[in-house]
């Protein structure tokens, strides 16, 4: 099962992506283990704000794109549901 997730970075930006292993990916974003993302490397620490399940990679990618197109206020509304 895939997860679509939103992180808050130390500079208060929001980062959205997909993964199969959310716990491992969060550790990578915070440089606890190798496999970091370039964007979050310079914006640590990051905090998980939101995640949702997706049946497969295709649906996860589609949802990721939808979220990335949202305005910040709409992302925050999604997070605070």
C-alpha atoms as a PDB file:
ATOM      1  CA  UNK A   1       0.000   0.000   0.000  1.00  0.00           C
ATOM      2  CA  UNK A   2       1.301   3.430  -0.941  1.00  0.00           C
ATOM      3  CA  UNK A   3       1.092   6.536   1.210  1.00  0.00           C
ATOM      4  CA  UNK A   4       0.833  10.132   0.067  1.00  0.00           C
ATOM      5  CA  UNK A   5       2.302  12.414   2.714  1.00  0.00           C
ATOM      6  CA  UNK A   6       2.891  16.052   3.581  1.00  0.00           C
ATOM      7  CA  UNK A   7       5.801  17.251   5.686  1.00  0.00           C
ATOM      8  CA  UNK A   8       6.460  20.621   7.271  1.00  0.00           C
ATOM      9  CA  UNK A   9      10.084  21.608   6.879  1.00  0.00           C
ATOM     10  CA  UNK A  10      12.060  23.759   9.313  1.00  0.00           C
ATOM     11  CA  UNK A  11      11.551  26.794   7.048  1.00  0.00           C
ATOM     12  CA  UNK A  12       7.757  26.220   7.279  1.00  0.00           C
ATOM     13  CA  UNK A  13       7.430  25.022   3.681  1.00  0.00           C
ATOM     14  CA  UNK A  14       5.279  22.005   2.879  1.00  0.00           C
ATOM     15  CA  UNK A  15       6.711  18.995   1.052  1.00  0.00           C
ATOM     16  CA  UNK A  16       4.483  16.356  -0.582  1.00  0.00           C
ATOM     17  CA  UNK A  17       5.561  12.966  -1.915  1.00  0.00           C
ATOM     18  CA  UNK A  18       4.688   9.252  -1.962  1.00  0.00           C
ATOM     19  CA  UNK A  19       6.207   6.175  -0.334  1.00  0.00           C
ATOM     20  CA  UNK A  20       5.567   2.582   0.625  1.00  0.00           C
ATOM     21  CA  UNK A  21       7.334   2.832   4.000  1.00  0.00           C
ATOM     22  CA  UNK A  22       6.446   6.100   5.709  1.00  0.00           C
ATOM     23  CA  UNK A  23       8.481   5.493   8.869  1.00  0.00           C
ATOM     24  CA  UNK A  24      11.640   4.757   6.870  1.00  0.00           C
ATOM     25  CA  UNK A  25      11.060   7.691   4.524  1.00  0.00           C
ATOM     26  CA  UNK A  26      10.620  10.123   7.399  1.00  0.00           C
ATOM     27  CA  UNK A  27      13.902   8.892   8.893  1.00  0.00           C
ATOM     28  CA  UNK A  28      15.561   9.497   5.511  1.00  0.00           C
ATOM     29  CA  UNK A  29      14.190  13.034   5.315  1.00  0.00           C
ATOM     30  CA  UNK A  30      15.624  13.762   8.750  1.00  0.00           C
ATOM     31  CA  UNK A  31      18.990  12.208   7.843  1.00  0.00           C
ATOM     32  CA  UNK A  32      18.681   9.459  10.424  1.00  0.00           C
ATOM     33  CA  UNK A  33      19.377   6.945   7.634  1.00  0.00           C
ATOM     34  CA  UNK A  34      20.651   7.309   4.079  1.00  0.00           C
ATOM     35  CA  UNK A  35      18.251   8.065   1.259  1.00  0.00           C
ATOM     36  CA  UNK A  36      17.444  11.723   1.879  1.00  0.00           C
ATOM     37  CA  UNK A  37      15.602  13.983  -0.532  1.00  0.00           C
ATOM     38  CA  UNK A  38      17.497  16.975  -1.874  1.00  0.00           C
ATOM     39  CA  UNK A  39      14.757  19.467  -0.973  1.00  0.00           C
ATOM     40  CA  UNK A  40      14.445  18.415   2.651  1.00  0.00           C
ATOM     41  CA  UNK A  41      18.176  17.937   3.241  1.00  0.00           C
ATOM     42  CA  UNK A  42      18.642  21.679   3.726  1.00  0.00           C
ATOM     43  CA  UNK A  43      15.334  22.094   5.583  1.00  0.00           C
ATOM     44  CA  UNK A  44      15.663  19.702   8.502  1.00  0.00           C
ATOM     45  CA  UNK A  45      14.147  18.731  10.741  1.00  0.00           C
ATOM     46  CA  UNK A  46      10.899  17.832   9.026  1.00  0.00           C
ATOM     47  CA  UNK A  47       7.628  16.907  10.693  1.00  0.00           C
ATOM     48  CA  UNK A  48       4.945  14.631   9.309  1.00  0.00           C
ATOM     49  CA  UNK A  49       1.662  16.548   9.152  1.00  0.00           C
ATOM     50  CA  UNK A  50      -0.541  14.337   6.998  1.00  0.00           C
ATOM     51  CA  UNK A  51      -0.713  11.017   5.193  1.00  0.00           C
ATOM     52  CA  UNK A  52      -3.344   9.076   3.310  1.00  0.00           C
ATOM     53  CA  UNK A  53      -3.451   5.607   1.773  1.00  0.00           C
ATOM     54  CA  UNK A  54      -3.500   4.883  -1.946  1.00  0.00           C
ATOM     55  CA  UNK A  55      -4.175   1.466  -3.479  1.00  0.00           C
ATOM     56  CA  UNK A  56      -1.264   1.570  -5.909  1.00  0.00           C
ATOM     57  CA  UNK A  57       1.536   3.741  -7.264  1.00  0.00           C
ATOM     58  CA  UNK A  58      -0.611   5.167 -10.036  1.00  0.00           C
ATOM     59  CA  UNK A  59      -3.311   6.396  -7.653  1.00  0.00           C
ATOM     60  CA  UNK A  60      -0.715   7.681  -5.201  1.00  0.00           C
ATOM     61  CA  UNK A  61       1.038   9.672  -7.920  1.00  0.00           C
ATOM     62  CA  UNK A  62      -2.249  11.114  -9.143  1.00  0.00           C
ATOM     63  CA  UNK A  63      -3.185  12.204  -5.626  1.00  0.00           C
ATOM     64  CA  UNK A  64       0.298  13.627  -5.040  1.00  0.00           C
ATOM     65  CA  UNK A  65      -0.115  15.784  -8.143  1.00  0.00           C
ATOM     66  CA  UNK A  66      -3.532  16.972  -6.957  1.00  0.00           C
ATOM     67  CA  UNK A  67      -2.106  18.000  -3.594  1.00  0.00           C
ATOM     68  CA  UNK A  68       0.930  19.712  -5.127  1.00  0.00           C
ATOM     69  CA  UNK A  69      -1.402  21.836  -7.277  1.00  0.00           C
ATOM     70  CA  UNK A  70      -3.307  23.041  -4.211  1.00  0.00           C
ATOM     71  CA  UNK A  71      -2.680  26.434  -2.706  1.00  0.00           C
ATOM     72  CA  UNK A  72      -1.021  26.404   0.690  1.00  0.00           C
ATOM     73  CA  UNK A  73      -4.255  27.354   2.487  1.00  0.00           C
ATOM     74  CA  UNK A  74      -6.028  24.391   0.866  1.00  0.00           C
ATOM     75  CA  UNK A  75      -3.224  22.028   1.898  1.00  0.00           C
ATOM     76  CA  UNK A  76      -3.489  23.297   5.458  1.00  0.00           C
ATOM     77  CA  UNK A  77      -7.250  22.770   5.356  1.00  0.00           C
ATOM     78  CA  UNK A  78      -6.670  19.179   4.195  1.00  0.00           C
ATOM     79  CA  UNK A  79      -4.158  18.617   6.993  1.00  0.00           C
ATOM     80  CA  UNK A  80      -6.522  20.009   9.632  1.00  0.00           C
ATOM     81  CA  UNK A  81      -9.576  17.917   8.665  1.00  0.00           C
END
